[in-house]
């Protein structure tokens, strides 16, 4: 229950922080913007079919995307964004007959994203 309240608080905080005003932007303006995202998970799975097993998984992910754009005309933006993502997951499998297995997965991504946006 405590984790659900914490997750709801963070979701509300990100929503309020990321809410911005939409305004008409004129030609020749440089626009700087971006996105930030984060998530966590914590899962426990138990099964009793035949042999007892229990799996625990905890994870975290983060994504960042700063962008830089130039207004070609009123409300027409050409720009580029740099996207970065990172995730980590730690898993434990408890099997009665075979012992405990531990796994750690990490991944990251990086991309350059051009865009054309009509506001």
C-alpha atoms as a PDB file:
ATOM      1  CA  UNK A   1       0.000   0.000   0.000  1.00  0.00           C
ATOM      2  CA  UNK A   2       2.826   2.404   0.889  1.00  0.00           C
ATOM      3  CA  UNK A   3       4.483   1.808  -2.509  1.00  0.00           C
ATOM      4  CA  UNK A   4       1.202   2.556  -4.349  1.00  0.00           C
ATOM      5  CA  UNK A   5       0.822   5.869  -2.522  1.00  0.00           C
ATOM      6  CA  UNK A   6       4.429   6.781  -3.321  1.00  0.00           C
ATOM      7  CA  UNK A   7       3.934   5.922  -7.018  1.00  0.00           C
ATOM      8  CA  UNK A   8       0.731   7.994  -7.181  1.00  0.00           C
ATOM      9  CA  UNK A   9       2.528  10.940  -5.578  1.00  0.00           C
ATOM     10  CA  UNK A  10       5.373  10.786  -8.128  1.00  0.00           C
ATOM     11  CA  UNK A  11       2.929  10.460 -11.032  1.00  0.00           C
ATOM     12  CA  UNK A  12       1.008  13.521  -9.829  1.00  0.00           C
ATOM     13  CA  UNK A  13       4.231  15.501  -9.315  1.00  0.00           C
ATOM     14  CA  UNK A  14       5.498  14.691 -12.822  1.00  0.00           C
ATOM     15  CA  UNK A  15       2.121  15.641 -14.295  1.00  0.00           C
ATOM     16  CA  UNK A  16       2.134  19.025 -12.580  1.00  0.00           C
ATOM     17  CA  UNK A  17       5.771  19.730 -13.422  1.00  0.00           C
ATOM     18  CA  UNK A  18       5.427  18.745 -17.086  1.00  0.00           C
ATOM     19  CA  UNK A  19       2.254  20.768 -17.709  1.00  0.00           C
ATOM     20  CA  UNK A  20       3.200  23.714 -19.867  1.00  0.00           C
ATOM     21  CA  UNK A  21       1.439  26.539 -21.622  1.00  0.00           C
ATOM     22  CA  UNK A  22       0.874  26.232 -25.357  1.00  0.00           C
ATOM     23  CA  UNK A  23       1.525  29.548 -27.078  1.00  0.00           C
ATOM     24  CA  UNK A  24       1.929  30.765 -30.637  1.00  0.00           C
ATOM     25  CA  UNK A  25       5.633  30.920 -31.476  1.00  0.00           C
ATOM     26  CA  UNK A  26       6.870  33.166 -34.280  1.00  0.00           C
ATOM     27  CA  UNK A  27       9.336  32.514 -37.099  1.00  0.00           C
ATOM     28  CA  UNK A  28      13.044  32.615 -36.177  1.00  0.00           C
ATOM     29  CA  UNK A  29      12.573  31.541 -32.552  1.00  0.00           C
ATOM     30  CA  UNK A  30      14.822  28.859 -31.058  1.00  0.00           C
ATOM     31  CA  UNK A  31      12.840  26.375 -28.944  1.00  0.00           C
ATOM     32  CA  UNK A  32      14.415  24.257 -26.175  1.00  0.00           C
ATOM     33  CA  UNK A  33      12.289  21.512 -24.597  1.00  0.00           C
ATOM     34  CA  UNK A  34      12.468  17.929 -23.419  1.00  0.00           C
ATOM     35  CA  UNK A  35      10.965  14.969 -21.642  1.00  0.00           C
ATOM     36  CA  UNK A  36      11.897  13.044 -18.504  1.00  0.00           C
ATOM     37  CA  UNK A  37      10.462   9.673 -17.509  1.00  0.00           C
ATOM     38  CA  UNK A  38      11.136   7.226 -14.694  1.00  0.00           C
ATOM     39  CA  UNK A  39       9.511   4.039 -13.437  1.00  0.00           C
ATOM     40  CA  UNK A  40      10.066   1.299 -10.890  1.00  0.00           C
ATOM     41  CA  UNK A  41       8.631  -2.189 -10.424  1.00  0.00           C
ATOM     42  CA  UNK A  42       8.644  -4.781  -7.678  1.00  0.00           C
ATOM     43  CA  UNK A  43       7.044  -8.169  -8.446  1.00  0.00           C
ATOM     44  CA  UNK A  44       6.793 -11.410  -6.441  1.00  0.00           C
ATOM     45  CA  UNK A  45       5.395 -14.560  -8.072  1.00  0.00           C
ATOM     46  CA  UNK A  46       4.882 -17.838  -6.216  1.00  0.00           C
ATOM     47  CA  UNK A  47       3.763 -21.131  -7.743  1.00  0.00           C
ATOM     48  CA  UNK A  48       3.076 -24.501  -6.132  1.00  0.00           C
ATOM     49  CA  UNK A  49       2.455 -26.745  -9.151  1.00  0.00           C
ATOM     50  CA  UNK A  50       4.680 -29.781  -8.543  1.00  0.00           C
ATOM     51  CA  UNK A  51       7.743 -28.072  -7.112  1.00  0.00           C
ATOM     52  CA  UNK A  52       7.516 -24.858  -5.140  1.00  0.00           C
ATOM     53  CA  UNK A  53       9.064 -21.852  -6.843  1.00  0.00           C
ATOM     54  CA  UNK A  54       9.244 -18.171  -6.069  1.00  0.00           C
ATOM     55  CA  UNK A  55      10.431 -15.367  -8.327  1.00  0.00           C
ATOM     56  CA  UNK A  56      11.275 -11.849  -7.238  1.00  0.00           C
ATOM     57  CA  UNK A  57      11.958  -9.034  -9.650  1.00  0.00           C
ATOM     58  CA  UNK A  58      12.895  -5.414  -8.977  1.00  0.00           C
ATOM     59  CA  UNK A  59      13.550  -2.908 -11.689  1.00  0.00           C
ATOM     60  CA  UNK A  60      14.120   0.730 -12.513  1.00  0.00           C
ATOM     61  CA  UNK A  61      14.074   2.649 -15.787  1.00  0.00           C
ATOM     62  CA  UNK A  62      14.905   6.222 -16.743  1.00  0.00           C
ATOM     63  CA  UNK A  63      14.499   8.080 -20.020  1.00  0.00           C
ATOM     64  CA  UNK A  64      15.646  11.572 -21.025  1.00  0.00           C
ATOM     65  CA  UNK A  65      14.967  13.429 -24.282  1.00  0.00           C
ATOM     66  CA  UNK A  66      16.204  17.010 -24.592  1.00  0.00           C
ATOM     67  CA  UNK A  67      15.245  18.740 -27.868  1.00  0.00           C
ATOM     68  CA  UNK A  68      16.359  21.831 -29.751  1.00  0.00           C
ATOM     69  CA  UNK A  69      14.215  23.321 -32.498  1.00  0.00           C
ATOM     70  CA  UNK A  70      13.999  26.294 -34.840  1.00  0.00           C
ATOM     71  CA  UNK A  71      10.745  27.891 -35.966  1.00  0.00           C
ATOM     72  CA  UNK A  72      10.711  27.894 -39.797  1.00  0.00           C
ATOM     73  CA  UNK A  73       7.311  29.627 -39.985  1.00  0.00           C
ATOM     74  CA  UNK A  74       4.679  30.533 -37.434  1.00  0.00           C
ATOM     75  CA  UNK A  75       3.820  27.261 -35.657  1.00  0.00           C
ATOM     76  CA  UNK A  76       6.142  25.060 -37.815  1.00  0.00           C
ATOM     77  CA  UNK A  77       9.198  23.767 -35.939  1.00  0.00           C
ATOM     78  CA  UNK A  78      12.199  21.817 -37.299  1.00  0.00           C
ATOM     79  CA  UNK A  79      14.426  20.295 -34.663  1.00  0.00           C
ATOM     80  CA  UNK A  80      16.478  17.477 -33.290  1.00  0.00           C
ATOM     81  CA  UNK A  81      16.256  15.464 -30.072  1.00  0.00           C
ATOM     82  CA  UNK A  82      18.706  13.252 -28.259  1.00  0.00           C
ATOM     83  CA  UNK A  83      17.042  10.273 -26.572  1.00  0.00           C
ATOM     84  CA  UNK A  84      18.688   8.324 -23.752  1.00  0.00           C
ATOM     85  CA  UNK A  85      17.168   5.385 -21.894  1.00  0.00           C
ATOM     86  CA  UNK A  86      18.523   3.161 -19.148  1.00  0.00           C
ATOM     87  CA  UNK A  87      16.942   0.213 -17.363  1.00  0.00           C
ATOM     88  CA  UNK A  88      18.063  -2.228 -14.698  1.00  0.00           C
ATOM     89  CA  UNK A  89      16.365  -5.345 -13.411  1.00  0.00           C
ATOM     90  CA  UNK A  90      17.408  -7.759 -10.661  1.00  0.00           C
ATOM     91  CA  UNK A  91      15.702 -11.153 -10.599  1.00  0.00           C
ATOM     92  CA  UNK A  92      15.887 -14.020  -8.112  1.00  0.00           C
ATOM     93  CA  UNK A  93      14.434 -17.463  -8.737  1.00  0.00           C
ATOM     94  CA  UNK A  94      13.983 -19.772  -5.736  1.00  0.00           C
ATOM     95  CA  UNK A  95      13.439 -23.395  -6.761  1.00  0.00           C
ATOM     96  CA  UNK A  96      13.050 -26.142  -4.191  1.00  0.00           C
ATOM     97  CA  UNK A  97      15.026 -28.742  -6.128  1.00  0.00           C
ATOM     98  CA  UNK A  98      17.654 -26.577  -7.841  1.00  0.00           C
ATOM     99  CA  UNK A  99      18.546 -23.787  -5.393  1.00  0.00           C
ATOM    100  CA  UNK A 100      18.590 -20.055  -6.068  1.00  0.00           C
ATOM    101  CA  UNK A 101      19.425 -18.324  -9.357  1.00  0.00           C
ATOM    102  CA  UNK A 102      20.256 -14.598  -9.472  1.00  0.00           C
ATOM    103  CA  UNK A 103      20.091 -12.490 -12.633  1.00  0.00           C
ATOM    104  CA  UNK A 104      20.892  -8.855 -13.293  1.00  0.00           C
ATOM    105  CA  UNK A 105      19.904  -7.242 -16.591  1.00  0.00           C
ATOM    106  CA  UNK A 106      21.018  -3.786 -17.672  1.00  0.00           C
ATOM    107  CA  UNK A 107      20.342  -2.014 -20.919  1.00  0.00           C
ATOM    108  CA  UNK A 108      20.639   1.443 -22.365  1.00  0.00           C
ATOM    109  CA  UNK A 109      19.754   3.162 -25.597  1.00  0.00           C
ATOM    110  CA  UNK A 110      20.878   6.326 -27.311  1.00  0.00           C
ATOM    111  CA  UNK A 111      19.403   7.855 -30.457  1.00  0.00           C
ATOM    112  CA  UNK A 112      19.362  11.089 -32.426  1.00  0.00           C
ATOM    113  CA  UNK A 113      15.808  12.011 -33.478  1.00  0.00           C
ATOM    114  CA  UNK A 114      15.108  14.736 -36.072  1.00  0.00           C
ATOM    115  CA  UNK A 115      11.547  16.070 -36.148  1.00  0.00           C
ATOM    116  CA  UNK A 116       9.185  18.453 -37.937  1.00  0.00           C
ATOM    117  CA  UNK A 117       6.294  19.651 -35.786  1.00  0.00           C
ATOM    118  CA  UNK A 118       3.225  21.706 -36.688  1.00  0.00           C
ATOM    119  CA  UNK A 119       2.092  23.365 -33.479  1.00  0.00           C
END
